[in-house]
């Protein structure tokens, strides 16, 4: 009888140890899957960071190009104003000699 009680307790302990082992294995597998997902997300975030940095460089280059274009446009406008004044003077001279 005592032996049967001890065997039942040992059997119950074995069952508990087996359940704990299964839980540990399951937890380990879950952690490994989470680690893989985190690695994937990390790679994606790094790639997006590089894209954002590249876009920043492109925006900087675009701003620089727009500034150069604005300066060129201003220079052209000044030359056009000078040309208009010269043409006005030339027109006045032509009309004055008639």
PDB file of N, CA and C in Angstrom:
ATOM      1  N   UNK A   1       0.792  -1.194   0.000  1.00  0.00           N
ATOM      2  CA  UNK A   1       0.000   0.000   0.000  1.00  0.00           C
ATOM      3  C   UNK A   1       0.844   1.272   0.000  1.00  0.00           C
ATOM      4  N   UNK A   2       1.800   1.290   0.865  1.00  0.00           N
ATOM      5  CA  UNK A   2       2.678   2.452   0.912  1.00  0.00           C
ATOM      6  C   UNK A   2       3.416   2.552  -0.411  1.00  0.00           C
ATOM      7  N   UNK A   3       3.788   1.430  -0.919  1.00  0.00           N
ATOM      8  CA  UNK A   3       4.502   1.405  -2.174  1.00  0.00           C
ATOM      9  C   UNK A   3       3.623   1.924  -3.303  1.00  0.00           C
ATOM     10  N   UNK A   4       2.334   1.588  -3.301  1.00  0.00           N
ATOM     11  CA  UNK A   4       1.406   2.069  -4.331  1.00  0.00           C
ATOM     12  C   UNK A   4       1.232   3.573  -4.209  1.00  0.00           C
ATOM     13  N   UNK A   5       1.187   4.077  -2.994  1.00  0.00           N
ATOM     14  CA  UNK A   5       1.054   5.524  -2.784  1.00  0.00           C
ATOM     15  C   UNK A   5       2.279   6.263  -3.273  1.00  0.00           C
ATOM     16  N   UNK A   6       3.453   5.686  -3.025  1.00  0.00           N
ATOM     17  CA  UNK A   6       4.701   6.304  -3.473  1.00  0.00           C
ATOM     18  C   UNK A   6       4.776   6.279  -4.999  1.00  0.00           C
ATOM     19  N   UNK A   7       4.369   5.159  -5.585  1.00  0.00           N
ATOM     20  CA  UNK A   7       4.377   5.062  -7.044  1.00  0.00           C
ATOM     21  C   UNK A   7       3.420   6.083  -7.663  1.00  0.00           C
ATOM     22  N   UNK A   8       2.286   6.290  -7.040  1.00  0.00           N
ATOM     23  CA  UNK A   8       1.327   7.280  -7.546  1.00  0.00           C
ATOM     24  C   UNK A   8       1.924   8.678  -7.465  1.00  0.00           C
ATOM     25  N   UNK A   9       2.609   8.963  -6.351  1.00  0.00           N
ATOM     26  CA  UNK A   9       3.234  10.279  -6.197  1.00  0.00           C
ATOM     27  C   UNK A   9       4.365  10.457  -7.213  1.00  0.00           C
ATOM     28  N   UNK A  10       5.150   9.409  -7.416  1.00  0.00           N
ATOM     29  CA  UNK A  10       6.233   9.476  -8.390  1.00  0.00           C
ATOM     30  C   UNK A  10       5.666   9.672  -9.785  1.00  0.00           C
ATOM     31  N   UNK A  11       4.598   8.943 -10.086  1.00  0.00           N
ATOM     32  CA  UNK A  11       3.949   9.088 -11.392  1.00  0.00           C
ATOM     33  C   UNK A  11       3.430  10.505 -11.574  1.00  0.00           C
ATOM     34  N   UNK A  12       2.830  11.046 -10.515  1.00  0.00           N
ATOM     35  CA  UNK A  12       2.325  12.436 -10.582  1.00  0.00           C
ATOM     36  C   UNK A  12       3.470  13.416 -10.756  1.00  0.00           C
ATOM     37  N   UNK A  13       4.578  13.211 -10.043  1.00  0.00           N
ATOM     38  CA  UNK A  13       5.747  14.077 -10.177  1.00  0.00           C
ATOM     39  C   UNK A  13       6.326  13.989 -11.586  1.00  0.00           C
ATOM     40  N   UNK A  14       6.380  12.769 -12.113  1.00  0.00           N
ATOM     41  CA  UNK A  14       6.871  12.603 -13.486  1.00  0.00           C
ATOM     42  C   UNK A  14       5.992  13.360 -14.462  1.00  0.00           C
ATOM     43  N   UNK A  15       4.689  13.289 -14.257  1.00  0.00           N
ATOM     44  CA  UNK A  15       3.749  14.005 -15.125  1.00  0.00           C
ATOM     45  C   UNK A  15       3.964  15.515 -15.031  1.00  0.00           C
ATOM     46  N   UNK A  16       4.154  16.003 -13.798  1.00  0.00           N
ATOM     47  CA  UNK A  16       4.387  17.438 -13.588  1.00  0.00           C
ATOM     48  C   UNK A  16       5.695  17.866 -14.256  1.00  0.00           C
ATOM     49  N   UNK A  17       6.751  17.055 -14.084  1.00  0.00           N
ATOM     50  CA  UNK A  17       8.048  17.373 -14.687  1.00  0.00           C
ATOM     51  C   UNK A  17       7.926  17.369 -16.204  1.00  0.00           C
ATOM     52  N   UNK A  18       7.166  16.414 -16.742  1.00  0.00           N
ATOM     53  CA  UNK A  18       6.958  16.352 -18.189  1.00  0.00           C
ATOM     54  C   UNK A  18       6.216  17.595 -18.685  1.00  0.00           C
ATOM     55  N   UNK A  19       5.193  18.017 -17.952  1.00  0.00           N
ATOM     56  CA  UNK A  19       4.443  19.219 -18.333  1.00  0.00           C
ATOM     57  C   UNK A  19       5.328  20.459 -18.269  1.00  0.00           C
ATOM     58  N   UNK A  20       6.173  20.523 -17.249  1.00  0.00           N
ATOM     59  CA  UNK A  20       7.096  21.663 -17.125  1.00  0.00           C
ATOM     60  C   UNK A  20       8.065  21.661 -18.302  1.00  0.00           C
ATOM     61  N   UNK A  21       8.586  20.483 -18.650  1.00  0.00           N
ATOM     62  CA  UNK A  21       9.495  20.380 -19.790  1.00  0.00           C
ATOM     63  C   UNK A  21       8.832  20.819 -21.082  1.00  0.00           C
ATOM     64  N   UNK A  22       7.580  20.399 -21.296  1.00  0.00           N
ATOM     65  CA  UNK A  22       6.851  20.804 -22.505  1.00  0.00           C
ATOM     66  C   UNK A  22       6.626  22.313 -22.515  1.00  0.00           C
ATOM     67  N   UNK A  23       6.310  22.871 -21.352  1.00  0.00           N
ATOM     68  CA  UNK A  23       6.097  24.321 -21.261  1.00  0.00           C
ATOM     69  C   UNK A  23       7.392  25.073 -21.566  1.00  0.00           C
ATOM     70  N   UNK A  24       8.525  24.560 -21.060  1.00  0.00           N
ATOM     71  CA  UNK A  24       9.815  25.198 -21.311  1.00  0.00           C
ATOM     72  C   UNK A  24      10.151  25.139 -22.799  1.00  0.00           C
ATOM     73  N   UNK A  25       9.929  23.965 -23.428  1.00  0.00           N
ATOM     74  CA  UNK A  25      10.185  23.839 -24.862  1.00  0.00           C
ATOM     75  C   UNK A  25       9.292  24.781 -25.670  1.00  0.00           C
ATOM     76  N   UNK A  26       8.026  24.830 -25.294  1.00  0.00           N
ATOM     77  CA  UNK A  26       7.092  25.712 -26.001  1.00  0.00           C
ATOM     78  C   UNK A  26       7.505  27.170 -25.848  1.00  0.00           C
ATOM     79  N   UNK A  27       7.888  27.540 -24.643  1.00  0.00           N
ATOM     80  CA  UNK A  27       8.330  28.921 -24.387  1.00  0.00           C
ATOM     81  C   UNK A  27       9.590  29.235 -25.188  1.00  0.00           C
ATOM     82  N   UNK A  28      10.512  28.285 -25.240  1.00  0.00           N
ATOM     83  CA  UNK A  28      11.755  28.479 -25.990  1.00  0.00           C
ATOM     84  C   UNK A  28      11.459  28.679 -27.471  1.00  0.00           C
ATOM     85  N   UNK A  29      10.562  27.869 -28.015  1.00  0.00           N
ATOM     86  CA  UNK A  29      10.195  28.018 -29.424  1.00  0.00           C
ATOM     87  C   UNK A  29       9.542  29.367 -29.684  1.00  0.00           C
ATOM     88  N   UNK A  30       8.681  29.783 -28.775  1.00  0.00           N
ATOM     89  CA  UNK A  30       8.015  31.089 -28.921  1.00  0.00           C
ATOM     90  C   UNK A  30       9.038  32.218 -28.890  1.00  0.00           C
ATOM     91  N   UNK A  31       9.983  32.113 -27.978  1.00  0.00           N
ATOM     92  CA  UNK A  31      11.020  33.153 -27.872  1.00  0.00           C
ATOM     93  C   UNK A  31      11.870  33.176 -29.132  1.00  0.00           C
ATOM     94  N   UNK A  32      12.173  32.012 -29.680  1.00  0.00           N
ATOM     95  CA  UNK A  32      12.960  31.960 -30.915  1.00  0.00           C
ATOM     96  C   UNK A  32      12.199  32.603 -32.073  1.00  0.00           C
ATOM     97  N   UNK A  33      10.897  32.332 -32.165  1.00  0.00           N
ATOM     98  CA  UNK A  33      10.090  32.957 -33.231  1.00  0.00           C
ATOM     99  C   UNK A  33      10.035  34.476 -33.044  1.00  0.00           C
ATOM    100  N   UNK A  34       9.872  34.900 -31.802  1.00  0.00           N
ATOM    101  CA  UNK A  34       9.858  36.349 -31.531  1.00  0.00           C
ATOM    102  C   UNK A  34      11.197  36.983 -31.891  1.00  0.00           C
ATOM    103  N   UNK A  35      12.288  36.291 -31.582  1.00  0.00           N
ATOM    104  CA  UNK A  35      13.616  36.814 -31.911  1.00  0.00           C
ATOM    105  C   UNK A  35      13.774  36.945 -33.424  1.00  0.00           C
ATOM    106  N   UNK A  36      13.270  35.957 -34.173  1.00  0.00           N
ATOM    107  CA  UNK A  36      13.336  36.033 -35.634  1.00  0.00           C
ATOM    108  C   UNK A  36      12.519  37.209 -36.157  1.00  0.00           C
ATOM    109  N   UNK A  37      11.338  37.388 -35.591  1.00  0.00           N
ATOM    110  CA  UNK A  37      10.492  38.518 -36.017  1.00  0.00           C
ATOM    111  C   UNK A  37      11.153  39.845 -35.688  1.00  0.00           C
ATOM    112  N   UNK A  38      11.759  39.934 -34.513  1.00  0.00           N
ATOM    113  CA  UNK A  38      12.457  41.167 -34.138  1.00  0.00           C
ATOM    114  C   UNK A  38      13.627  41.438 -35.077  1.00  0.00           C
ATOM    115  N   UNK A  39      14.324  40.377 -35.456  1.00  0.00           N
ATOM    116  CA  UNK A  39      15.442  40.532 -36.392  1.00  0.00           C
ATOM    117  C   UNK A  39      14.939  41.059 -37.734  1.00  0.00           C
ATOM    118  N   UNK A  40      13.821  40.488 -38.207  1.00  0.00           N
ATOM    119  CA  UNK A  40      13.225  40.943 -39.465  1.00  0.00           C
ATOM    120  C   UNK A  40      12.816  42.409 -39.368  1.00  0.00           C
ATOM    121  N   UNK A  41      12.163  42.769 -38.259  1.00  0.00           N
ATOM    122  CA  UNK A  41      11.752  44.168 -38.065  1.00  0.00           C
ATOM    123  C   UNK A  41      12.958  45.087 -37.984  1.00  0.00           C
ATOM    124  N   UNK A  42      14.000  44.638 -37.334  1.00  0.00           N
ATOM    125  CA  UNK A  42      15.215  45.442 -37.217  1.00  0.00           C
ATOM    126  C   UNK A  42      15.819  45.713 -38.586  1.00  0.00           C
ATOM    127  N   UNK A  43      15.854  44.681 -39.426  1.00  0.00           N
ATOM    128  CA  UNK A  43      16.382  44.849 -40.780  1.00  0.00           C
ATOM    129  C   UNK A  43      15.520  45.829 -41.568  1.00  0.00           C
ATOM    130  N   UNK A  44      14.193  45.696 -41.423  1.00  0.00           N
ATOM    131  CA  UNK A  44      13.283  46.595 -42.136  1.00  0.00           C
ATOM    132  C   UNK A  44      13.445  48.037 -41.663  1.00  0.00           C
ATOM    133  N   UNK A  45      13.554  48.229 -40.359  1.00  0.00           N
ATOM    134  CA  UNK A  45      13.720  49.580 -39.811  1.00  0.00           C
ATOM    135  C   UNK A  45      15.042  50.181 -40.282  1.00  0.00           C
ATOM    136  N   UNK A  46      16.082  49.370 -40.316  1.00  0.00           N
ATOM    137  CA  UNK A  46      17.380  49.853 -40.792  1.00  0.00           C
ATOM    138  C   UNK A  46      17.286  50.273 -42.257  1.00  0.00           C
ATOM    139  N   UNK A  47      16.603  49.449 -43.067  1.00  0.00           N
ATOM    140  CA  UNK A  47      16.445  49.785 -44.491  1.00  0.00           C
ATOM    141  C   UNK A  47      15.635  51.063 -44.644  1.00  0.00           C
ATOM    142  N   UNK A  48      14.578  51.209 -43.848  1.00  0.00           N
ATOM    143  CA  UNK A  48      13.763  52.425 -43.923  1.00  0.00           C
ATOM    144  C   UNK A  48      14.566  53.636 -43.477  1.00  0.00           C
ATOM    145  N   UNK A  49      15.415  53.450 -42.477  1.00  0.00           N
ATOM    146  CA  UNK A  49      16.271  54.549 -42.025  1.00  0.00           C
ATOM    147  C   UNK A  49      17.201  55.008 -43.134  1.00  0.00           C
ATOM    148  N   UNK A  50      17.750  54.041 -43.878  1.00  0.00           N
ATOM    149  CA  UNK A  50      18.625  54.390 -44.998  1.00  0.00           C
ATOM    150  C   UNK A  50      17.842  55.106 -46.091  1.00  0.00           C
ATOM    151  N   UNK A  51      16.594  54.664 -46.320  1.00  0.00           N
ATOM    152  CA  UNK A  51      15.753  55.332 -47.324  1.00  0.00           C
ATOM    153  C   UNK A  51      15.460  56.770 -46.905  1.00  0.00           C
ATOM    154  N   UNK A  52      15.136  56.954 -45.631  1.00  0.00           N
ATOM    155  CA  UNK A  52      14.843  58.306 -45.132  1.00  0.00           C
ATOM    156  C   UNK A  52      16.078  59.186 -45.258  1.00  0.00           C
ATOM    157  N   UNK A  53      17.239  58.624 -44.942  1.00  0.00           N
ATOM    158  CA  UNK A  53      18.483  59.392 -45.076  1.00  0.00           C
ATOM    159  C   UNK A  53      18.720  59.765 -46.538  1.00  0.00           C
ATOM    160  N   UNK A  54      18.498  58.805 -47.441  1.00  0.00           N
ATOM    161  CA  UNK A  54      18.674  59.074 -48.870  1.00  0.00           C
ATOM    162  C   UNK A  54      17.693  60.147 -49.339  1.00  0.00           C
ATOM    163  N   UNK A  55      16.448  60.058 -48.855  1.00  0.00           N
ATOM    164  CA  UNK A  55      15.463  61.071 -49.227  1.00  0.00           C
ATOM    165  C   UNK A  55      15.857  62.438 -48.691  1.00  0.00           C
ATOM    166  N   UNK A  56      16.463  62.452 -47.510  1.00  0.00           N
ATOM    167  CA  UNK A  56      16.954  63.717 -46.951  1.00  0.00           C
ATOM    168  C   UNK A  56      18.016  64.336 -47.842  1.00  0.00           C
ATOM    169  N   UNK A  57      18.926  63.494 -48.332  1.00  0.00           N
ATOM    170  CA  UNK A  57      19.953  63.983 -49.251  1.00  0.00           C
ATOM    171  C   UNK A  57      19.320  64.510 -50.539  1.00  0.00           C
ATOM    172  N   UNK A  58      18.313  63.790 -51.027  1.00  0.00           N
ATOM    173  CA  UNK A  58      17.647  64.216 -52.258  1.00  0.00           C
ATOM    174  C   UNK A  58      16.916  65.538 -52.057  1.00  0.00           C
ATOM    175  N   UNK A  59      16.277  65.698 -50.912  1.00  0.00           N
ATOM    176  CA  UNK A  59      15.580  66.959 -50.615  1.00  0.00           C
ATOM    177  C   UNK A  59      16.587  68.102 -50.526  1.00  0.00           C
ATOM    178  N   UNK A  60      17.727  67.846 -49.886  1.00  0.00           N
ATOM    179  CA  UNK A  60      18.769  68.864 -49.790  1.00  0.00           C
ATOM    180  C   UNK A  60      19.249  69.263 -51.184  1.00  0.00           C
ATOM    181  N   UNK A  61      19.492  68.274 -52.031  1.00  0.00           N
ATOM    182  CA  UNK A  61      19.953  68.561 -53.397  1.00  0.00           C
ATOM    183  C   UNK A  61      18.885  69.326 -54.173  1.00  0.00           C
ATOM    184  N   UNK A  62      17.625  68.960 -53.978  1.00  0.00           N
ATOM    185  CA  UNK A  62      16.531  69.650 -54.658  1.00  0.00           C
ATOM    186  C   UNK A  62      16.437  71.105 -54.184  1.00  0.00           C
ATOM    187  N   UNK A  63      16.565  71.320 -52.896  1.00  0.00           N
ATOM    188  CA  UNK A  63      16.534  72.694 -52.367  1.00  0.00           C
ATOM    189  C   UNK A  63      17.684  73.518 -52.938  1.00  0.00           C
ATOM    190  N   UNK A  64      18.848  72.897 -53.026  1.00  0.00           N
ATOM    191  CA  UNK A  64      20.011  73.588 -53.592  1.00  0.00           C
ATOM    192  C   UNK A  64      19.753  73.944 -55.057  1.00  0.00           C
ATOM    193  N   UNK A  65      19.169  73.004 -55.802  1.00  0.00           N
ATOM    194  CA  UNK A  65      18.867  73.257 -57.214  1.00  0.00           C
ATOM    195  C   UNK A  65      17.831  74.367 -57.358  1.00  0.00           C
ATOM    196  N   UNK A  66      16.827  74.373 -56.495  1.00  0.00           N
ATOM    197  CA  UNK A  66      15.793  75.424 -56.547  1.00  0.00           C
ATOM    198  C   UNK A  66      16.416  76.782 -56.228  1.00  0.00           C
ATOM    199  N   UNK A  67      17.326  76.806 -55.256  1.00  0.00           N
ATOM    200  CA  UNK A  67      17.991  78.073 -54.920  1.00  0.00           C
ATOM    201  C   UNK A  67      18.814  78.577 -56.106  1.00  0.00           C
ATOM    202  N   UNK A  68      19.553  77.677 -56.747  1.00  0.00           N
ATOM    203  CA  UNK A  68      20.348  78.070 -57.923  1.00  0.00           C
ATOM    204  C   UNK A  68      19.428  78.567 -59.030  1.00  0.00           C
ATOM    205  N   UNK A  69      18.315  77.879 -59.233  1.00  0.00           N
ATOM    206  CA  UNK A  69      17.354  78.293 -60.253  1.00  0.00           C
ATOM    207  C   UNK A  69      16.771  79.672 -59.939  1.00  0.00           C
ATOM    208  N   UNK A  70      16.455  79.909 -58.660  1.00  0.00           N
ATOM    209  CA  UNK A  70      15.919  81.217 -58.274  1.00  0.00           C
ATOM    210  C   UNK A  70      16.943  82.319 -58.505  1.00  0.00           C
ATOM    211  N   UNK A  71      18.199  82.049 -58.178  1.00  0.00           N
ATOM    212  CA  UNK A  71      19.253  83.045 -58.408  1.00  0.00           C
ATOM    213  C   UNK A  71      19.436  83.307 -59.895  1.00  0.00           C
ATOM    214  N   UNK A  72      19.380  82.256 -60.687  1.00  0.00           N
ATOM    215  CA  UNK A  72      19.504  82.397 -62.141  1.00  0.00           C
ATOM    216  C   UNK A  72      18.325  83.194 -62.696  1.00  0.00           C
ATOM    217  N   UNK A  73      17.136  82.900 -62.177  1.00  0.00           N
ATOM    218  CA  UNK A  73      15.929  83.621 -62.614  1.00  0.00           C
ATOM    219  C   UNK A  73      16.044  85.101 -62.257  1.00  0.00           C
ATOM    220  N   UNK A  74      16.544  85.394 -61.069  1.00  0.00           N
ATOM    221  CA  UNK A  74      16.724  86.787 -60.645  1.00  0.00           C
ATOM    222  C   UNK A  74      17.729  87.492 -61.553  1.00  0.00           C
ATOM    223  N   UNK A  75      18.810  86.812 -61.881  1.00  0.00           N
ATOM    224  CA  UNK A  75      19.824  87.375 -62.776  1.00  0.00           C
ATOM    225  C   UNK A  75      19.223  87.641 -64.157  1.00  0.00           C
ATOM    226  N   UNK A  76      18.439  86.694 -64.652  1.00  0.00           N
ATOM    227  CA  UNK A  76      17.792  86.870 -65.959  1.00  0.00           C
ATOM    228  C   UNK A  76      16.822  88.041 -65.927  1.00  0.00           C
ATOM    229  N   UNK A  77      16.102  88.188 -64.836  1.00  0.00           N
ATOM    230  CA  UNK A  77      15.150  89.295 -64.702  1.00  0.00           C
ATOM    231  C   UNK A  77      15.882  90.634 -64.702  1.00  0.00           C
ATOM    232  N   UNK A  78      17.020  90.713 -64.037  1.00  0.00           N
ATOM    233  CA  UNK A  78      17.810  91.945 -64.030  1.00  0.00           C
ATOM    234  C   UNK A  78      18.294  92.287 -65.444  1.00  0.00           C
ATOM    235  N   UNK A  79      18.764  91.270 -66.154  1.00  0.00           N
ATOM    236  CA  UNK A  79      19.226  91.501 -67.527  1.00  0.00           C
ATOM    237  C   UNK A  79      18.072  91.909 -68.428  1.00  0.00           C
ATOM    238  N   UNK A  80      16.908  91.312 -68.219  1.00  0.00           N
ATOM    239  CA  UNK A  80      15.727  91.665 -69.007  1.00  0.00           C
ATOM    240  C   UNK A  80      15.306  93.110 -68.720  1.00  0.00           C
ATOM    241  N   UNK A  81      15.405  93.532 -67.480  1.00  0.00           N
ATOM    242  CA  UNK A  81      15.087  94.921 -67.127  1.00  0.00           C
ATOM    243  C   UNK A  81      16.068  95.882 -67.801  1.00  0.00           C
ATOM    244  N   UNK A  82      17.344  95.503 -67.806  1.00  0.00           N
ATOM    245  CA  UNK A  82      18.351  96.347 -68.480  1.00  0.00           C
ATOM    246  C   UNK A  82      18.057  96.418 -69.978  1.00  0.00           C
ATOM    247  N   UNK A  83      17.708  95.279 -70.558  1.00  0.00           N
ATOM    248  CA  UNK A  83      17.392  95.246 -71.985  1.00  0.00           C
ATOM    249  C   UNK A  83      16.161  96.096 -72.282  1.00  0.00           C
ATOM    250  N   UNK A  84      15.152  96.025 -71.418  1.00  0.00           N
ATOM    251  CA  UNK A  84      13.941  96.830 -71.607  1.00  0.00           C
ATOM    252  C   UNK A  84      14.269  98.310 -71.546  1.00  0.00           C
ATOM    253  N   UNK A  85      15.109  98.720 -70.595  1.00  0.00           N
ATOM    254  CA  UNK A  85      15.502 100.121 -70.494  1.00  0.00           C
ATOM    255  C   UNK A  85      16.251 100.566 -71.747  1.00  0.00           C
ATOM    256  N   UNK A  86      17.158  99.707 -72.207  1.00  0.00           N
ATOM    257  CA  UNK A  86      17.926 100.034 -73.411  1.00  0.00           C
ATOM    258  C   UNK A  86      17.001 100.170 -74.613  1.00  0.00           C
ATOM    259  N   UNK A  87      16.045  99.256 -74.749  1.00  0.00           N
ATOM    260  CA  UNK A  87      15.091  99.331 -75.857  1.00  0.00           C
ATOM    261  C   UNK A  87      14.212 100.576 -75.749  1.00  0.00           C
ATOM    262  N   UNK A  88      13.825 100.928 -74.530  1.00  0.00           N
ATOM    263  CA  UNK A  88      13.040 102.156 -74.338  1.00  0.00           C
ATOM    264  C   UNK A  88      13.858 103.379 -74.786  1.00  0.00           C
ATOM    265  N   UNK A  89      15.136 103.413 -74.399  1.00  0.00           N
ATOM    266  CA  UNK A  89      15.988 104.526 -74.806  1.00  0.00           C
ATOM    267  C   UNK A  89      16.166 104.559 -76.318  1.00  0.00           C
ATOM    268  N   UNK A  90      16.349 103.397 -76.922  1.00  0.00           N
ATOM    269  CA  UNK A  90      16.512 103.301 -78.362  1.00  0.00           C
ATOM    270  C   UNK A  90      15.234 103.754 -79.072  1.00  0.00           C
ATOM    271  N   UNK A  91      14.100 103.339 -78.546  1.00  0.00           N
ATOM    272  CA  UNK A  91      12.813 103.761 -79.135  1.00  0.00           C
ATOM    273  C   UNK A  91      12.650 105.268 -79.036  1.00  0.00           C
ATOM    274  N   UNK A  92      13.031 105.831 -77.888  1.00  0.00           N
ATOM    275  CA  UNK A  92      12.945 107.287 -77.712  1.00  0.00           C
ATOM    276  C   UNK A  92      13.849 108.002 -78.708  1.00  0.00           C
ATOM    277  N   UNK A  93      15.044 107.491 -78.906  1.00  0.00           N
ATOM    278  CA  UNK A  93      15.958 108.117 -79.864  1.00  0.00           C
ATOM    279  C   UNK A  93      15.405 108.031 -81.276  1.00  0.00           C
ATOM    280  N   UNK A  94      14.850 106.882 -81.643  1.00  0.00           N
ATOM    281  CA  UNK A  94      14.298 106.716 -82.991  1.00  0.00           C
ATOM    282  C   UNK A  94      13.113 107.654 -83.183  1.00  0.00           C
ATOM    283  N   UNK A  95      12.260 107.733 -82.175  1.00  0.00           N
ATOM    284  CA  UNK A  95      11.085 108.605 -82.296  1.00  0.00           C
ATOM    285  C   UNK A  95      11.503 110.084 -82.298  1.00  0.00           C
ATOM    286  N   UNK A  96      12.581 110.393 -81.612  1.00  0.00           N
ATOM    287  CA  UNK A  96      13.046 111.771 -81.545  1.00  0.00           C
ATOM    288  C   UNK A  96      13.667 112.224 -82.868  1.00  0.00           C
ATOM    289  N   UNK A  97      14.241 111.319 -83.629  1.00  0.00           N
ATOM    290  CA  UNK A  97      14.876 111.717 -84.878  1.00  0.00           C
ATOM    291  C   UNK A  97      13.853 111.803 -85.998  1.00  0.00           C
ATOM    292  N   UNK A  98      12.662 111.296 -85.792  1.00  0.00           N
ATOM    293  CA  UNK A  98      11.628 111.387 -86.820  1.00  0.00           C
ATOM    294  C   UNK A  98      11.065 112.751 -86.786  1.00  0.00           C
TER     295      UNK A  98
END
